[in-house]
N, C-alpha and C. Protein backbone atom coordinates (compact mmCIF):
# COMPACT_ATOMS: atom_id res chain seq x y z
N MET A 1 -1.27 31.74 -5.15
CA MET A 1 -0.88 30.47 -4.56
C MET A 1 -0.31 29.59 -5.66
N GLN A 2 0.90 29.12 -5.50
CA GLN A 2 1.53 28.28 -6.49
C GLN A 2 1.43 26.82 -6.08
N SER A 3 1.35 25.98 -7.06
CA SER A 3 1.30 24.56 -6.77
C SER A 3 2.60 23.90 -7.22
N ALA A 4 2.85 22.72 -6.69
CA ALA A 4 4.07 21.99 -7.04
C ALA A 4 3.92 21.25 -8.36
N THR A 5 2.76 21.33 -8.97
CA THR A 5 2.53 20.62 -10.23
C THR A 5 2.94 21.43 -11.44
N ASP A 6 3.58 22.59 -11.21
CA ASP A 6 4.01 23.43 -12.32
C ASP A 6 5.22 22.87 -13.05
N MET A 7 5.94 21.92 -12.47
CA MET A 7 7.16 21.40 -13.07
C MET A 7 6.84 20.58 -14.32
N SER A 8 7.57 20.81 -15.35
CA SER A 8 7.39 20.10 -16.60
C SER A 8 8.57 19.17 -16.83
N SER A 9 8.32 18.02 -17.41
CA SER A 9 9.42 17.10 -17.70
C SER A 9 10.14 17.51 -18.98
N PHE A 10 9.59 18.47 -19.73
CA PHE A 10 10.23 18.89 -20.97
C PHE A 10 11.60 19.51 -20.72
N GLY A 11 11.73 20.28 -19.65
CA GLY A 11 13.01 20.88 -19.32
C GLY A 11 14.06 19.85 -18.97
N MET A 12 13.63 18.73 -18.43
CA MET A 12 14.58 17.68 -18.09
C MET A 12 15.12 16.99 -19.35
N VAL A 13 14.27 16.89 -20.35
CA VAL A 13 14.69 16.24 -21.60
C VAL A 13 15.67 17.12 -22.36
N THR A 14 15.43 18.41 -22.37
CA THR A 14 16.29 19.32 -23.11
C THR A 14 17.54 19.72 -22.33
N GLY A 15 17.62 19.35 -21.06
CA GLY A 15 18.78 19.68 -20.25
C GLY A 15 18.70 21.05 -19.63
N LYS A 16 17.55 21.71 -19.72
CA LYS A 16 17.40 23.05 -19.17
C LYS A 16 16.64 23.04 -17.85
N GLY A 17 16.37 21.87 -17.31
CA GLY A 17 15.61 21.78 -16.07
C GLY A 17 16.47 22.17 -14.88
N THR A 18 15.81 22.55 -13.82
CA THR A 18 16.53 22.91 -12.61
C THR A 18 16.70 21.67 -11.75
N GLN A 19 17.79 21.64 -11.02
CA GLN A 19 18.03 20.51 -10.13
C GLN A 19 17.73 20.94 -8.72
N ALA A 20 17.01 20.10 -8.01
CA ALA A 20 16.68 20.39 -6.62
C ALA A 20 17.79 19.84 -5.74
N SER A 21 18.20 20.62 -4.77
CA SER A 21 19.20 20.14 -3.83
C SER A 21 18.55 20.01 -2.47
N PHE A 22 18.97 19.03 -1.73
CA PHE A 22 18.43 18.82 -0.40
C PHE A 22 19.54 18.28 0.49
N SER A 23 19.35 18.45 1.77
CA SER A 23 20.37 17.96 2.69
C SER A 23 20.20 16.46 2.84
N GLY A 24 21.29 15.73 2.93
CA GLY A 24 21.24 14.28 3.04
C GLY A 24 20.96 13.79 4.43
N GLY A 25 20.84 14.67 5.41
CA GLY A 25 20.60 14.27 6.79
C GLY A 25 19.29 13.54 6.97
N CYS A 26 18.25 14.07 6.39
CA CYS A 26 16.93 13.46 6.51
C CYS A 26 16.91 12.10 5.80
N LEU A 27 17.52 12.06 4.63
CA LEU A 27 17.57 10.82 3.87
C LEU A 27 18.39 9.76 4.60
N THR A 28 19.48 10.16 5.20
CA THR A 28 20.31 9.23 5.96
C THR A 28 19.55 8.68 7.16
N ALA A 29 18.80 9.53 7.82
CA ALA A 29 18.01 9.09 8.97
C ALA A 29 16.95 8.08 8.54
N LYS A 30 16.33 8.32 7.40
CA LYS A 30 15.31 7.38 6.89
C LYS A 30 15.95 6.04 6.53
N LYS A 31 17.12 6.08 5.90
CA LYS A 31 17.82 4.83 5.56
C LYS A 31 18.16 4.05 6.81
N ARG A 32 18.62 4.75 7.84
CA ARG A 32 18.97 4.09 9.09
C ARG A 32 17.73 3.46 9.72
N ARG A 33 16.60 4.15 9.67
CA ARG A 33 15.35 3.63 10.24
C ARG A 33 14.88 2.40 9.49
N VAL A 34 15.01 2.40 8.17
CA VAL A 34 14.58 1.27 7.35
C VAL A 34 15.45 0.05 7.64
N LYS A 35 16.74 0.26 7.86
CA LYS A 35 17.63 -0.85 8.15
C LYS A 35 17.34 -1.47 9.50
N GLU A 36 16.83 -0.69 10.45
CA GLU A 36 16.55 -1.19 11.79
C GLU A 36 15.30 -2.06 11.85
N ILE A 37 14.41 -1.94 10.91
CA ILE A 37 13.13 -2.66 10.93
C ILE A 37 13.36 -4.11 10.52
N ASP A 38 12.75 -5.03 11.27
CA ASP A 38 12.81 -6.45 10.93
C ASP A 38 11.67 -6.73 9.94
N TRP A 39 12.00 -6.69 8.65
CA TRP A 39 10.98 -6.78 7.61
C TRP A 39 10.31 -8.14 7.55
N ASP A 40 11.00 -9.20 7.99
CA ASP A 40 10.37 -10.52 8.00
C ASP A 40 9.17 -10.55 8.93
N SER A 41 9.31 -9.97 10.11
CA SER A 41 8.19 -9.95 11.05
C SER A 41 7.06 -9.05 10.55
N VAL A 42 7.41 -7.97 9.87
CA VAL A 42 6.38 -7.08 9.32
C VAL A 42 5.57 -7.80 8.25
N VAL A 43 6.26 -8.54 7.39
CA VAL A 43 5.57 -9.28 6.32
C VAL A 43 4.71 -10.39 6.91
N GLU A 44 5.23 -11.09 7.93
CA GLU A 44 4.44 -12.15 8.57
C GLU A 44 3.19 -11.59 9.23
N LYS A 45 3.31 -10.44 9.88
CA LYS A 45 2.16 -9.82 10.53
C LYS A 45 1.13 -9.39 9.49
N ALA A 46 1.59 -8.80 8.39
CA ALA A 46 0.67 -8.38 7.32
C ALA A 46 -0.01 -9.58 6.69
N ASP A 47 0.74 -10.67 6.53
CA ASP A 47 0.17 -11.89 5.95
C ASP A 47 -0.93 -12.45 6.85
N GLY A 48 -0.70 -12.41 8.16
CA GLY A 48 -1.72 -12.88 9.10
C GLY A 48 -2.97 -12.03 9.05
N ILE A 49 -2.79 -10.72 8.95
CA ILE A 49 -3.94 -9.81 8.89
C ILE A 49 -4.73 -10.03 7.61
N ILE A 50 -4.03 -10.22 6.49
CA ILE A 50 -4.72 -10.46 5.22
C ILE A 50 -5.45 -11.79 5.24
N ALA A 51 -4.84 -12.81 5.83
CA ALA A 51 -5.49 -14.12 5.93
C ALA A 51 -6.74 -14.04 6.79
N ALA A 52 -6.67 -13.32 7.89
CA ALA A 52 -7.84 -13.16 8.76
C ALA A 52 -8.95 -12.39 8.05
N ALA A 53 -8.58 -11.36 7.30
CA ALA A 53 -9.58 -10.60 6.55
C ALA A 53 -10.24 -11.47 5.49
N GLY A 54 -9.47 -12.34 4.85
CA GLY A 54 -10.03 -13.26 3.87
C GLY A 54 -10.99 -14.25 4.50
N ALA A 55 -10.64 -14.75 5.69
CA ALA A 55 -11.53 -15.68 6.40
C ALA A 55 -12.83 -15.00 6.80
N VAL A 56 -12.74 -13.75 7.22
CA VAL A 56 -13.95 -12.99 7.58
C VAL A 56 -14.81 -12.78 6.34
N ALA A 57 -14.19 -12.48 5.21
CA ALA A 57 -14.95 -12.26 3.98
C ALA A 57 -15.66 -13.54 3.54
N VAL A 58 -14.98 -14.67 3.66
CA VAL A 58 -15.60 -15.96 3.30
C VAL A 58 -16.77 -16.26 4.24
N ALA A 59 -16.58 -16.03 5.53
CA ALA A 59 -17.65 -16.30 6.50
C ALA A 59 -18.86 -15.40 6.25
N LEU A 60 -18.62 -14.13 5.99
CA LEU A 60 -19.73 -13.22 5.73
C LEU A 60 -20.46 -13.55 4.43
N SER A 61 -19.72 -13.95 3.42
CA SER A 61 -20.39 -14.32 2.16
C SER A 61 -21.17 -15.62 2.33
N ALA A 62 -20.67 -16.54 3.16
CA ALA A 62 -21.43 -17.78 3.43
C ALA A 62 -22.72 -17.44 4.16
N LEU A 63 -22.68 -16.52 5.11
CA LEU A 63 -23.90 -16.11 5.80
C LEU A 63 -24.86 -15.39 4.85
N TYR A 64 -24.33 -14.66 3.91
CA TYR A 64 -25.17 -13.91 2.96
C TYR A 64 -25.89 -14.86 2.01
N PHE A 65 -25.19 -15.89 1.53
CA PHE A 65 -25.77 -16.79 0.56
C PHE A 65 -26.44 -18.02 1.17
N ALA A 66 -26.37 -18.19 2.47
CA ALA A 66 -26.98 -19.35 3.11
C ALA A 66 -28.49 -19.45 2.86
N PRO A 67 -29.26 -18.39 2.98
CA PRO A 67 -30.71 -18.52 2.70
C PRO A 67 -31.00 -18.95 1.26
N VAL A 68 -30.24 -18.46 0.32
CA VAL A 68 -30.44 -18.83 -1.09
C VAL A 68 -30.13 -20.32 -1.28
N LEU A 69 -29.04 -20.76 -0.69
CA LEU A 69 -28.66 -22.17 -0.81
C LEU A 69 -29.68 -23.07 -0.13
N ILE A 70 -30.17 -22.67 1.01
CA ILE A 70 -31.17 -23.48 1.72
C ILE A 70 -32.46 -23.56 0.91
N SER A 71 -32.88 -22.45 0.30
CA SER A 71 -34.12 -22.47 -0.48
C SER A 71 -33.97 -23.33 -1.74
N ILE A 72 -32.79 -23.35 -2.33
CA ILE A 72 -32.56 -24.19 -3.52
C ILE A 72 -32.55 -25.66 -3.13
N LEU A 73 -31.90 -25.99 -2.05
CA LEU A 73 -31.79 -27.39 -1.63
C LEU A 73 -33.08 -27.94 -1.03
N SER A 74 -33.97 -27.09 -0.56
CA SER A 74 -35.22 -27.56 0.06
C SER A 74 -36.28 -27.92 -0.97
N ARG A 75 -36.07 -27.64 -2.20
CA ARG A 75 -37.07 -27.96 -3.23
C ARG A 75 -37.09 -29.40 -3.57
């Protein structure tokens, strides 16, 4: 069983490396798909999800430390 990690960068430096060829059809399809995506809405949606996750983390940490804070303030 051969692995794809056999490639060495030394051959590329000396100019003796092999060049991989591939059909551009798949790459062209991916480029077309990337151009069709509205990246502004994707970034806004990700920003909302990250903000919500941060709010949940703050709320959970407040619940975790509430007993400690109450015991300190009750003295």
